[in-house]
Amino acid sequence: ALDLNSIASRRIRIISLLKEGKSDMQSQIVCSGCRSNLLYPRGATNVCCALCNAITQVPLPGMDMGQLICGGCRTLLMYARGGTSVRCSCCHTLNLAPGILN
């Protein structure tokens, strides 16, 4: 279970990092709720979206992640590389992973 106080303090810390302009310490991920791009400080384990309040878990360090645009609805999708296809959580289109045709 996630500790709401911990999430709130991390959220405040993320906002303060953004205000300080420390973009060199940030990574990005796609929100699991609204599909917005989220910036977060490296080392975070999860990110709370400021738009929809969904909590997105951050992939483990070293996990090779890819991004693609859904062919059905043009939503940006993130996926773990190595798979052959990615199903869009918005429109349910099955997208071929880049490089699968090579």
PDB file of N, CA and C in Angstrom:
ATOM      1  N   ALA A   1       0.847  -1.189   0.000  1.00  0.00           N
ATOM      2  CA  ALA A   1       0.000   0.000   0.000  1.00  0.00           C
ATOM      3  C   ALA A   1       0.882   1.240   0.000  1.00  0.00           C
ATOM      4  N   LEU A   2       0.425   2.260  -0.660  1.00  0.00           N
ATOM      5  CA  LEU A   2       1.182   3.500  -0.747  1.00  0.00           C
ATOM      6  C   LEU A   2       0.832   4.414   0.418  1.00  0.00           C
ATOM      7  N   ASP A   3       1.837   5.043   0.999  1.00  0.00           N
ATOM      8  CA  ASP A   3       1.655   5.985   2.092  1.00  0.00           C
ATOM      9  C   ASP A   3       1.335   7.356   1.509  1.00  0.00           C
ATOM     10  N   LEU A   4       0.130   7.866   1.779  1.00  0.00           N
ATOM     11  CA  LEU A   4      -0.304   9.136   1.193  1.00  0.00           C
ATOM     12  C   LEU A   4       0.548  10.307   1.660  1.00  0.00           C
ATOM     13  N   ASN A   5       1.041  10.288   2.901  1.00  0.00           N
ATOM     14  CA  ASN A   5       1.911  11.367   3.371  1.00  0.00           C
ATOM     15  C   ASN A   5       3.223  11.373   2.602  1.00  0.00           C
ATOM     16  N   SER A   6       3.754  10.185   2.343  1.00  0.00           N
ATOM     17  CA  SER A   6       4.984  10.074   1.571  1.00  0.00           C
ATOM     18  C   SER A   6       4.784  10.581   0.148  1.00  0.00           C
ATOM     19  N   ILE A   7       3.644  10.225  -0.445  1.00  0.00           N
ATOM     20  CA  ILE A   7       3.341  10.680  -1.803  1.00  0.00           C
ATOM     21  C   ILE A   7       3.221  12.194  -1.836  1.00  0.00           C
ATOM     22  N   ALA A   8       2.532  12.770  -0.850  1.00  0.00           N
ATOM     23  CA  ALA A   8       2.358  14.224  -0.797  1.00  0.00           C
ATOM     24  C   ALA A   8       3.701  14.923  -0.652  1.00  0.00           C
ATOM     25  N   SER A   9       4.589  14.397   0.196  1.00  0.00           N
ATOM     26  CA  SER A   9       5.886  15.047   0.375  1.00  0.00           C
ATOM     27  C   SER A   9       6.743  14.922  -0.877  1.00  0.00           C
ATOM     28  N   ARG A  10       6.656  13.793  -1.573  1.00  0.00           N
ATOM     29  CA  ARG A  10       7.395  13.642  -2.828  1.00  0.00           C
ATOM     30  C   ARG A  10       6.853  14.591  -3.885  1.00  0.00           C
ATOM     31  N   ARG A  11       5.528  14.761  -3.887  1.00  0.00           N
ATOM     32  CA  ARG A  11       4.899  15.657  -4.859  1.00  0.00           C
ATOM     33  C   ARG A  11       5.382  17.087  -4.645  1.00  0.00           C
ATOM     34  N   ILE A  12       5.439  17.512  -3.381  1.00  0.00           N
ATOM     35  CA  ILE A  12       5.938  18.851  -3.069  1.00  0.00           C
ATOM     36  C   ILE A  12       7.393  18.967  -3.493  1.00  0.00           C
ATOM     37  N   ARG A  13       8.176  17.935  -3.249  1.00  0.00           N
ATOM     38  CA  ARG A  13       9.596  17.941  -3.637  1.00  0.00           C
ATOM     39  C   ARG A  13       9.741  18.034  -5.152  1.00  0.00           C
ATOM     40  N   ILE A  14       8.906  17.316  -5.897  1.00  0.00           N
ATOM     41  CA  ILE A  14       8.948  17.368  -7.355  1.00  0.00           C
ATOM     42  C   ILE A  14       8.632  18.771  -7.834  1.00  0.00           C
ATOM     43  N   ILE A  15       7.594  19.379  -7.260  1.00  0.00           N
ATOM     44  CA  ILE A  15       7.220  20.742  -7.652  1.00  0.00           C
ATOM     45  C   ILE A  15       8.356  21.709  -7.354  1.00  0.00           C
ATOM     46  N   SER A  16       9.007  21.569  -6.187  1.00  0.00           N
ATOM     47  CA  SER A  16      10.104  22.479  -5.863  1.00  0.00           C
ATOM     48  C   SER A  16      11.294  22.267  -6.795  1.00  0.00           C
ATOM     49  N   LEU A  17      11.578  21.032  -7.183  1.00  0.00           N
ATOM     50  CA  LEU A  17      12.657  20.781  -8.140  1.00  0.00           C
ATOM     51  C   LEU A  17      12.352  21.427  -9.485  1.00  0.00           C
ATOM     52  N   LEU A  18      11.092  21.338  -9.907  1.00  0.00           N
ATOM     53  CA  LEU A  18      10.710  21.949 -11.175  1.00  0.00           C
ATOM     54  C   LEU A  18      10.851  23.459 -11.107  1.00  0.00           C
ATOM     55  N   LYS A  19      10.465  24.060  -9.986  1.00  0.00           N
ATOM     56  CA  LYS A  19      10.573  25.509  -9.831  1.00  0.00           C
ATOM     57  C   LYS A  19      12.028  25.952  -9.807  1.00  0.00           C
ATOM     58  N   GLU A  20      12.903  25.114  -9.251  1.00  0.00           N
ATOM     59  CA  GLU A  20      14.325  25.439  -9.198  1.00  0.00           C
ATOM     60  C   GLU A  20      15.009  25.227 -10.545  1.00  0.00           C
ATOM     61  N   GLY A  21      14.321  24.585 -11.475  1.00  0.00           N
ATOM     62  CA  GLY A  21      14.890  24.368 -12.804  1.00  0.00           C
ATOM     63  C   GLY A  21      15.922  23.265 -12.854  1.00  0.00           C
ATOM     64  N   LYS A  22      15.825  22.279 -11.996  1.00  0.00           N
ATOM     65  CA  LYS A  22      16.801  21.195 -11.964  1.00  0.00           C
ATOM     66  C   LYS A  22      16.415  20.102 -12.945  1.00  0.00           C
ATOM     67  N   SER A  23      16.332  20.450 -14.218  1.00  0.00           N
ATOM     68  CA  SER A  23      15.882  19.489 -15.225  1.00  0.00           C
ATOM     69  C   SER A  23      16.915  18.411 -15.512  1.00  0.00           C
ATOM     70  N   ASP A  24      18.185  18.653 -15.164  1.00  0.00           N
ATOM     71  CA  ASP A  24      19.211  17.647 -15.410  1.00  0.00           C
ATOM     72  C   ASP A  24      19.054  16.438 -14.489  1.00  0.00           C
ATOM     73  N   MET A  25      18.254  16.572 -13.439  1.00  0.00           N
ATOM     74  CA  MET A  25      18.036  15.483 -12.501  1.00  0.00           C
ATOM     75  C   MET A  25      16.697  14.799 -12.743  1.00  0.00           C
ATOM     76  N   GLN A  26      16.087  15.028 -13.912  1.00  0.00           N
ATOM     77  CA  GLN A  26      14.748  14.520 -14.163  1.00  0.00           C
ATOM     78  C   GLN A  26      14.721  13.448 -15.240  1.00  0.00           C
ATOM     79  N   SER A  27      13.731  12.602 -15.133  1.00  0.00           N
ATOM     80  CA  SER A  27      13.398  11.638 -16.172  1.00  0.00           C
ATOM     81  C   SER A  27      11.944  11.886 -16.534  1.00  0.00           C
ATOM     82  N   GLN A  28      11.453  11.181 -17.540  1.00  0.00           N
ATOM     83  CA  GLN A  28      10.042  11.338 -17.892  1.00  0.00           C
ATOM     84  C   GLN A  28       9.384   9.986 -18.049  1.00  0.00           C
ATOM     85  N   ILE A  29       8.071   9.986 -17.843  1.00  0.00           N
ATOM     86  CA  ILE A  29       7.262   8.779 -17.951  1.00  0.00           C
ATOM     87  C   ILE A  29       5.869   9.203 -18.401  1.00  0.00           C
ATOM     88  N   VAL A  30       5.122   8.270 -18.970  1.00  0.00           N
ATOM     89  CA  VAL A  30       3.750   8.542 -19.387  1.00  0.00           C
ATOM     90  C   VAL A  30       2.814   8.185 -18.234  1.00  0.00           C
ATOM     91  N   CYS A  31       1.906   9.095 -17.889  1.00  0.00           N
ATOM     92  CA  CYS A  31       0.943   8.873 -16.810  1.00  0.00           C
ATOM     93  C   CYS A  31       0.054   7.672 -17.136  1.00  0.00           C
ATOM     94  N   SER A  32      -0.123   6.802 -16.154  1.00  0.00           N
ATOM     95  CA  SER A  32      -0.969   5.620 -16.355  1.00  0.00           C
ATOM     96  C   SER A  32      -2.452   5.971 -16.369  1.00  0.00           C
ATOM     97  N   GLY A  33      -2.799   7.181 -15.945  1.00  0.00           N
ATOM     98  CA  GLY A  33      -4.194   7.601 -15.921  1.00  0.00           C
ATOM     99  C   GLY A  33      -4.609   8.381 -17.146  1.00  0.00           C
ATOM    100  N   CYS A  34      -3.960   9.533 -17.376  1.00  0.00           N
ATOM    101  CA  CYS A  34      -4.398  10.436 -18.452  1.00  0.00           C
ATOM    102  C   CYS A  34      -3.451  10.463 -19.643  1.00  0.00           C
ATOM    103  N   ARG A  35      -2.354   9.712 -19.587  1.00  0.00           N
ATOM    104  CA  ARG A  35      -1.380   9.579 -20.679  1.00  0.00           C
ATOM    105  C   ARG A  35      -0.559  10.850 -20.915  1.00  0.00           C
ATOM    106  N   SER A  36      -0.538  11.776 -19.970  1.00  0.00           N
ATOM    107  CA  SER A  36       0.311  12.966 -20.078  1.00  0.00           C
ATOM    108  C   SER A  36       1.762  12.573 -19.823  1.00  0.00           C
ATOM    109  N   ASN A  37       2.693  13.357 -20.363  1.00  0.00           N
ATOM    110  CA  ASN A  37       4.101  13.164 -20.037  1.00  0.00           C
ATOM    111  C   ASN A  37       4.353  13.740 -18.657  1.00  0.00           C
ATOM    112  N   LEU A  38       5.007  12.976 -17.796  1.00  0.00           N
ATOM    113  CA  LEU A  38       5.326  13.428 -16.448  1.00  0.00           C
ATOM    114  C   LEU A  38       6.834  13.517 -16.291  1.00  0.00           C
ATOM    115  N   LEU A  39       7.311  14.587 -15.678  1.00  0.00           N
ATOM    116  CA  LEU A  39       8.711  14.711 -15.307  1.00  0.00           C
ATOM    117  C   LEU A  39       8.827  14.354 -13.839  1.00  0.00           C
ATOM    118  N   TYR A  40       9.894  13.652 -13.477  1.00  0.00           N
ATOM    119  CA  TYR A  40      10.080  13.271 -12.084  1.00  0.00           C
ATOM    120  C   TYR A  40      11.569  13.203 -11.784  1.00  0.00           C
ATOM    121  N   PRO A  41      11.953  13.368 -10.514  1.00  0.00           N
ATOM    122  CA  PRO A  41      13.372  13.291 -10.168  1.00  0.00           C
ATOM    123  C   PRO A  41      13.868  11.856 -10.260  1.00  0.00           C
ATOM    124  N   ARG A  42      15.053  11.682 -10.786  1.00  0.00           N
ATOM    125  CA  ARG A  42      15.633  10.344 -10.875  1.00  0.00           C
ATOM    126  C   ARG A  42      15.715   9.741  -9.485  1.00  0.00           C
ATOM    127  N   GLY A  43      15.414   8.475  -9.396  1.00  0.00           N
ATOM    128  CA  GLY A  43      15.430   7.778  -8.117  1.00  0.00           C
ATOM    129  C   GLY A  43      14.050   7.589  -7.515  1.00  0.00           C
ATOM    130  N   ALA A  44      13.047   8.296  -8.052  1.00  0.00           N
ATOM    131  CA  ALA A  44      11.677   8.132  -7.547  1.00  0.00           C
ATOM    132  C   ALA A  44      11.168   6.742  -7.914  1.00  0.00           C
ATOM    133  N   THR A  45      10.307   6.187  -7.088  1.00  0.00           N
ATOM    134  CA  THR A  45       9.744   4.863  -7.364  1.00  0.00           C
ATOM    135  C   THR A  45       8.352   4.945  -7.973  1.00  0.00           C
ATOM    136  N   ASN A  46       7.664   6.070  -7.751  1.00  0.00           N
ATOM    137  CA  ASN A  46       6.360   6.297  -8.361  1.00  0.00           C
ATOM    138  C   ASN A  46       6.140   7.798  -8.490  1.00  0.00           C
ATOM    139  N   VAL A  47       5.201   8.178  -9.364  1.00  0.00           N
ATOM    140  CA  VAL A  47       4.940   9.589  -9.644  1.00  0.00           C
ATOM    141  C   VAL A  47       3.436   9.816  -9.599  1.00  0.00           C
ATOM    142  N   CYS A  48       3.023  10.870  -8.902  1.00  0.00           N
ATOM    143  CA  CYS A  48       1.611  11.234  -8.840  1.00  0.00           C
ATOM    144  C   CYS A  48       1.364  12.342  -9.858  1.00  0.00           C
ATOM    145  N   CYS A  49       0.437  12.122 -10.773  1.00  0.00           N
ATOM    146  CA  CYS A  49       0.119  13.090 -11.817  1.00  0.00           C
ATOM    147  C   CYS A  49      -0.621  14.283 -11.212  1.00  0.00           C
ATOM    148  N   ALA A  50      -0.178  15.488 -11.541  1.00  0.00           N
ATOM    149  CA  ALA A  50      -0.828  16.701 -11.048  1.00  0.00           C
ATOM    150  C   ALA A  50      -2.161  16.951 -11.740  1.00  0.00           C
ATOM    151  N   LEU A  51      -2.389  16.333 -12.899  1.00  0.00           N
ATOM    152  CA  LEU A  51      -3.639  16.556 -13.632  1.00  0.00           C
ATOM    153  C   LEU A  51      -4.754  15.619 -13.186  1.00  0.00           C
ATOM    154  N   CYS A  52      -4.454  14.320 -13.073  1.00  0.00           N
ATOM    155  CA  CYS A  52      -5.518  13.346 -12.773  1.00  0.00           C
ATOM    156  C   CYS A  52      -5.315  12.605 -11.450  1.00  0.00           C
ATOM    157  N   ASN A  53      -4.201  12.871 -10.762  1.00  0.00           N
ATOM    158  CA  ASN A  53      -3.861  12.240  -9.478  1.00  0.00           C
ATOM    159  C   ASN A  53      -3.594  10.740  -9.556  1.00  0.00           C
ATOM    160  N   ALA A  54      -3.453  10.188 -10.753  1.00  0.00           N
ATOM    161  CA  ALA A  54      -3.092   8.773 -10.883  1.00  0.00           C
ATOM    162  C   ALA A  54      -1.642   8.588 -10.442  1.00  0.00           C
ATOM    163  N   ILE A  55      -1.361   7.464  -9.830  1.00  0.00           N
ATOM    164  CA  ILE A  55       0.001   7.149  -9.409  1.00  0.00           C
ATOM    165  C   ILE A  55       0.580   6.148 -10.393  1.00  0.00           C
ATOM    166  N   THR A  56       1.695   6.528 -11.013  1.00  0.00           N
ATOM    167  CA  THR A  56       2.362   5.699 -12.010  1.00  0.00           C
ATOM    168  C   THR A  56       3.661   5.175 -11.420  1.00  0.00           C
ATOM    169  N   GLN A  57       3.854   3.862 -11.456  1.00  0.00           N
ATOM    170  CA  GLN A  57       5.098   3.284 -10.963  1.00  0.00           C
ATOM    171  C   GLN A  57       6.205   3.496 -11.985  1.00  0.00           C
ATOM    172  N   VAL A  58       7.376   3.842 -11.499  1.00  0.00           N
ATOM    173  CA  VAL A  58       8.544   4.076 -12.342  1.00  0.00           C
ATOM    174  C   VAL A  58       9.226   2.736 -12.601  1.00  0.00           C
ATOM    175  N   PRO A  59       9.599   2.448 -13.860  1.00  0.00           N
ATOM    176  CA  PRO A  59      10.316   1.194 -14.148  1.00  0.00           C
ATOM    177  C   PRO A  59      11.634   1.128 -13.383  1.00  0.00           C
ATOM    178  N   LEU A  60      12.082  -0.072 -13.107  1.00  0.00           N
ATOM    179  CA  LEU A  60      13.347  -0.257 -12.409  1.00  0.00           C
ATOM    180  C   LEU A  60      14.492   0.320 -13.227  1.00  0.00           C
ATOM    181  N   PRO A  61      15.525   0.854 -12.556  1.00  0.00           N
ATOM    182  CA  PRO A  61      16.683   1.364 -13.295  1.00  0.00           C
ATOM    183  C   PRO A  61      17.293   0.259 -14.149  1.00  0.00           C
ATOM    184  N   GLY A  62      17.706   0.611 -15.331  1.00  0.00           N
ATOM    185  CA  GLY A  62      18.303  -0.354 -16.237  1.00  0.00           C
ATOM    186  C   GLY A  62      17.304  -1.053 -17.127  1.00  0.00           C
ATOM    187  N   MET A  63      16.005  -0.913 -16.846  1.00  0.00           N
ATOM    188  CA  MET A  63      14.982  -1.519 -17.702  1.00  0.00           C
ATOM    189  C   MET A  63      14.925  -0.707 -18.991  1.00  0.00           C
ATOM    190  N   ASP A  64      15.073  -1.371 -20.113  1.00  0.00           N
ATOM    191  CA  ASP A  64      15.109  -0.691 -21.405  1.00  0.00           C
ATOM    192  C   ASP A  64      13.685  -0.399 -21.869  1.00  0.00           C
ATOM    193  N   MET A  65      13.314   0.870 -21.828  1.00  0.00           N
ATOM    194  CA  MET A  65      11.959   1.283 -22.182  1.00  0.00           C
ATOM    195  C   MET A  65      11.957   1.964 -23.550  1.00  0.00           C
ATOM    196  N   GLY A  66      10.872   1.768 -24.283  1.00  0.00           N
ATOM    197  CA  GLY A  66      10.686   2.422 -25.569  1.00  0.00           C
ATOM    198  C   GLY A  66       9.396   3.220 -25.563  1.00  0.00           C
ATOM    199  N   GLN A  67       9.256   4.078 -26.556  1.00  0.00           N
ATOM    200  CA  GLN A  67       8.035   4.861 -26.720  1.00  0.00           C
ATOM    201  C   GLN A  67       7.563   4.720 -28.150  1.00  0.00           C
ATOM    202  N   LEU A  68       6.252   4.729 -28.337  1.00  0.00           N
ATOM    203  CA  LEU A  68       5.693   4.744 -29.689  1.00  0.00           C
ATOM    204  C   LEU A  68       4.373   5.489 -29.662  1.00  0.00           C
ATOM    205  N   ILE A  69       3.948   5.950 -30.829  1.00  0.00           N
ATOM    206  CA  ILE A  69       2.665   6.626 -30.981  1.00  0.00           C
ATOM    207  C   ILE A  69       1.649   5.584 -31.447  1.00  0.00           C
ATOM    208  N   CYS A  70       0.523   5.489 -30.749  1.00  0.00           N
ATOM    209  CA  CYS A  70      -0.520   4.528 -31.108  1.00  0.00           C
ATOM    210  C   CYS A  70      -1.065   4.845 -32.498  1.00  0.00           C
ATOM    211  N   GLY A  71      -1.188   3.817 -33.317  1.00  0.00           N
ATOM    212  CA  GLY A  71      -1.727   3.980 -34.665  1.00  0.00           C
ATOM    213  C   GLY A  71      -3.220   4.235 -34.686  1.00  0.00           C
ATOM    214  N   GLY A  72      -3.900   3.977 -33.580  1.00  0.00           N
ATOM    215  CA  GLY A  72      -5.344   4.177 -33.528  1.00  0.00           C
ATOM    216  C   GLY A  72      -5.767   5.550 -33.043  1.00  0.00           C
ATOM    217  N   CYS A  73      -5.109   6.034 -31.973  1.00  0.00           N
ATOM    218  CA  CYS A  73      -5.560   7.298 -31.371  1.00  0.00           C
ATOM    219  C   CYS A  73      -4.452   8.328 -31.192  1.00  0.00           C
ATOM    220  N   ARG A  74      -3.234   8.005 -31.620  1.00  0.00           N
ATOM    221  CA  ARG A  74      -2.089   8.920 -31.578  1.00  0.00           C
ATOM    222  C   ARG A  74      -1.600   9.222 -30.156  1.00  0.00           C
ATOM    223  N   THR A  75      -1.927   8.370 -29.196  1.00  0.00           N
ATOM    224  CA  THR A  75      -1.459   8.532 -27.825  1.00  0.00           C
ATOM    225  C   THR A  75      -0.029   8.021 -27.715  1.00  0.00           C
ATOM    226  N   LEU A  76       0.800   8.728 -26.945  1.00  0.00           N
ATOM    227  CA  LEU A  76       2.162   8.279 -26.691  1.00  0.00           C
ATOM    228  C   LEU A  76       2.124   7.116 -25.708  1.00  0.00           C
ATOM    229  N   LEU A  77       2.728   5.989 -26.097  1.00  0.00           N
ATOM    230  CA  LEU A  77       2.762   4.792 -25.259  1.00  0.00           C
ATOM    231  C   LEU A  77       4.193   4.482 -24.853  1.00  0.00           C
ATOM    232  N   MET A  78       4.389   4.004 -23.630  1.00  0.00           N
ATOM    233  CA  MET A  78       5.682   3.504 -23.174  1.00  0.00           C
ATOM    234  C   MET A  78       5.560   2.004 -22.988  1.00  0.00           C
ATOM    235  N   TYR A  79       6.639   1.292 -23.299  1.00  0.00           N
ATOM    236  CA  TYR A  79       6.620  -0.169 -23.177  1.00  0.00           C
ATOM    237  C   TYR A  79       8.027  -0.670 -22.890  1.00  0.00           C
ATOM    238  N   ALA A  80       8.112  -1.867 -22.324  1.00  0.00           N
ATOM    239  CA  ALA A  80       9.409  -2.504 -22.090  1.00  0.00           C
ATOM    240  C   ALA A  80       9.881  -3.106 -23.406  1.00  0.00           C
ATOM    241  N   ARG A  81      11.074  -2.719 -23.841  1.00  0.00           N
ATOM    242  CA  ARG A  81      11.609  -3.238 -25.105  1.00  0.00           C
ATOM    243  C   ARG A  81      11.764  -4.757 -25.023  1.00  0.00           C
ATOM    244  N   GLY A  82      11.631  -5.384 -26.175  1.00  0.00           N
ATOM    245  CA  GLY A  82      11.750  -6.834 -26.237  1.00  0.00           C
ATOM    246  C   GLY A  82      10.437  -7.498 -26.591  1.00  0.00           C
ATOM    247  N   GLY A  83       9.339  -6.798 -26.369  1.00  0.00           N
ATOM    248  CA  GLY A  83       8.031  -7.334 -26.734  1.00  0.00           C
ATOM    249  C   GLY A  83       7.789  -7.173 -28.226  1.00  0.00           C
ATOM    250  N   THR A  84       6.806  -7.879 -28.741  1.00  0.00           N
ATOM    251  CA  THR A  84       6.501  -7.802 -30.170  1.00  0.00           C
ATOM    252  C   THR A  84       5.370  -6.834 -30.471  1.00  0.00           C
ATOM    253  N   SER A  85       4.526  -6.561 -29.473  1.00  0.00           N
ATOM    254  CA  SER A  85       3.400  -5.650 -29.698  1.00  0.00           C
ATOM    255  C   SER A  85       3.048  -4.914 -28.415  1.00  0.00           C
ATOM    256  N   VAL A  86       2.335  -3.797 -28.581  1.00  0.00           N
ATOM    257  CA  VAL A  86       1.919  -2.965 -27.453  1.00  0.00           C
ATOM    258  C   VAL A  86       0.446  -2.628 -27.640  1.00  0.00           C
ATOM    259  N   ARG A  87      -0.394  -2.990 -26.661  1.00  0.00           N
ATOM    260  CA  ARG A  87      -1.821  -2.662 -26.750  1.00  0.00           C
ATOM    261  C   ARG A  87      -2.066  -1.318 -26.068  1.00  0.00           C
ATOM    262  N   CYS A  88      -2.727  -0.419 -26.782  1.00  0.00           N
ATOM    263  CA  CYS A  88      -3.042   0.906 -26.253  1.00  0.00           C
ATOM    264  C   CYS A  88      -4.109   0.786 -25.166  1.00  0.00           C
ATOM    265  N   SER A  89      -3.863   1.424 -24.034  1.00  0.00           N
ATOM    266  CA  SER A  89      -4.832   1.378 -22.936  1.00  0.00           C
ATOM    267  C   SER A  89      -6.002   2.328 -23.159  1.00  0.00           C
ATOM    268  N   CYS A  90      -5.879   3.223 -24.132  1.00  0.00           N
ATOM    269  CA  CYS A  90      -6.967   4.173 -24.420  1.00  0.00           C
ATOM    270  C   CYS A  90      -7.958   3.611 -25.436  1.00  0.00           C
ATOM    271  N   CYS A  91      -7.452   3.152 -26.595  1.00  0.00           N
ATOM    272  CA  CYS A  91      -8.351   2.703 -27.676  1.00  0.00           C
ATOM    273  C   CYS A  91      -8.250   1.203 -27.944  1.00  0.00           C
ATOM    274  N   HIS A  92      -7.340   0.520 -27.250  1.00  0.00           N
ATOM    275  CA  HIS A  92      -7.152  -0.938 -27.340  1.00  0.00           C
ATOM    276  C   HIS A  92      -6.590  -1.413 -28.681  1.00  0.00           C
ATOM    277  N   THR A  93      -6.030  -0.500 -29.487  1.00  0.00           N
ATOM    278  CA  THR A  93      -5.364  -0.893 -30.730  1.00  0.00           C
ATOM    279  C   THR A  93      -4.107  -1.683 -30.391  1.00  0.00           C
ATOM    280  N   LEU A  94      -3.855  -2.752 -31.127  1.00  0.00           N
ATOM    281  CA  LEU A  94      -2.635  -3.529 -30.962  1.00  0.00           C
ATOM    282  C   LEU A  94      -1.600  -2.980 -31.937  1.00  0.00           C
ATOM    283  N   ASN A  95      -0.515  -2.410 -31.412  1.00  0.00           N
ATOM    284  CA  ASN A  95       0.540  -1.788 -32.209  1.00  0.00           C
ATOM    285  C   ASN A  95       1.755  -2.700 -32.256  1.00  0.00           C
ATOM    286  N   LEU A  96       2.360  -2.851 -33.434  1.00  0.00           N
ATOM    287  CA  LEU A  96       3.615  -3.589 -33.534  1.00  0.00           C
ATOM    288  C   LEU A  96       4.725  -2.764 -32.911  1.00  0.00           C
ATOM    289  N   ALA A  97       5.572  -3.415 -32.131  1.00  0.00           N
ATOM    290  CA  ALA A  97       6.699  -2.723 -31.520  1.00  0.00           C
ATOM    291  C   ALA A  97       7.720  -2.379 -32.598  1.00  0.00           C
ATOM    292  N   PRO A  98       8.309  -1.185 -32.540  1.00  0.00           N
ATOM    293  CA  PRO A  98       9.330  -0.820 -33.528  1.00  0.00           C
ATOM    294  C   PRO A  98      10.472  -1.831 -33.523  1.00  0.00           C
ATOM    295  N   GLY A  99      10.995  -2.101 -34.692  1.00  0.00           N
ATOM    296  CA  GLY A  99      12.100  -3.036 -34.820  1.00  0.00           C
ATOM    297  C   GLY A  99      11.665  -4.471 -35.036  1.00  0.00           C
ATOM    298  N   ILE A 100      10.391  -4.761 -34.857  1.00  0.00           N
ATOM    299  CA  ILE A 100       9.912  -6.135 -35.018  1.00  0.00           C
ATOM    300  C   ILE A 100       9.941  -6.562 -36.483  1.00  0.00           C
ATOM    301  N   LEU A 101       9.878  -5.594 -37.399  1.00  0.00           N
ATOM    302  CA  LEU A 101       9.889  -5.923 -38.823  1.00  0.00           C
ATOM    303  C   LEU A 101      11.300  -6.091 -39.369  1.00  0.00           C
ATOM    304  N   ASN A 102      12.315  -5.726 -38.559  1.00  0.00           N
ATOM    305  CA  ASN A 102      13.709  -5.816 -39.024  1.00  0.00           C
ATOM    306  C   ASN A 102      14.225  -7.228 -38.936  1.00  0.00           C
TER     307      ASN A 102
END
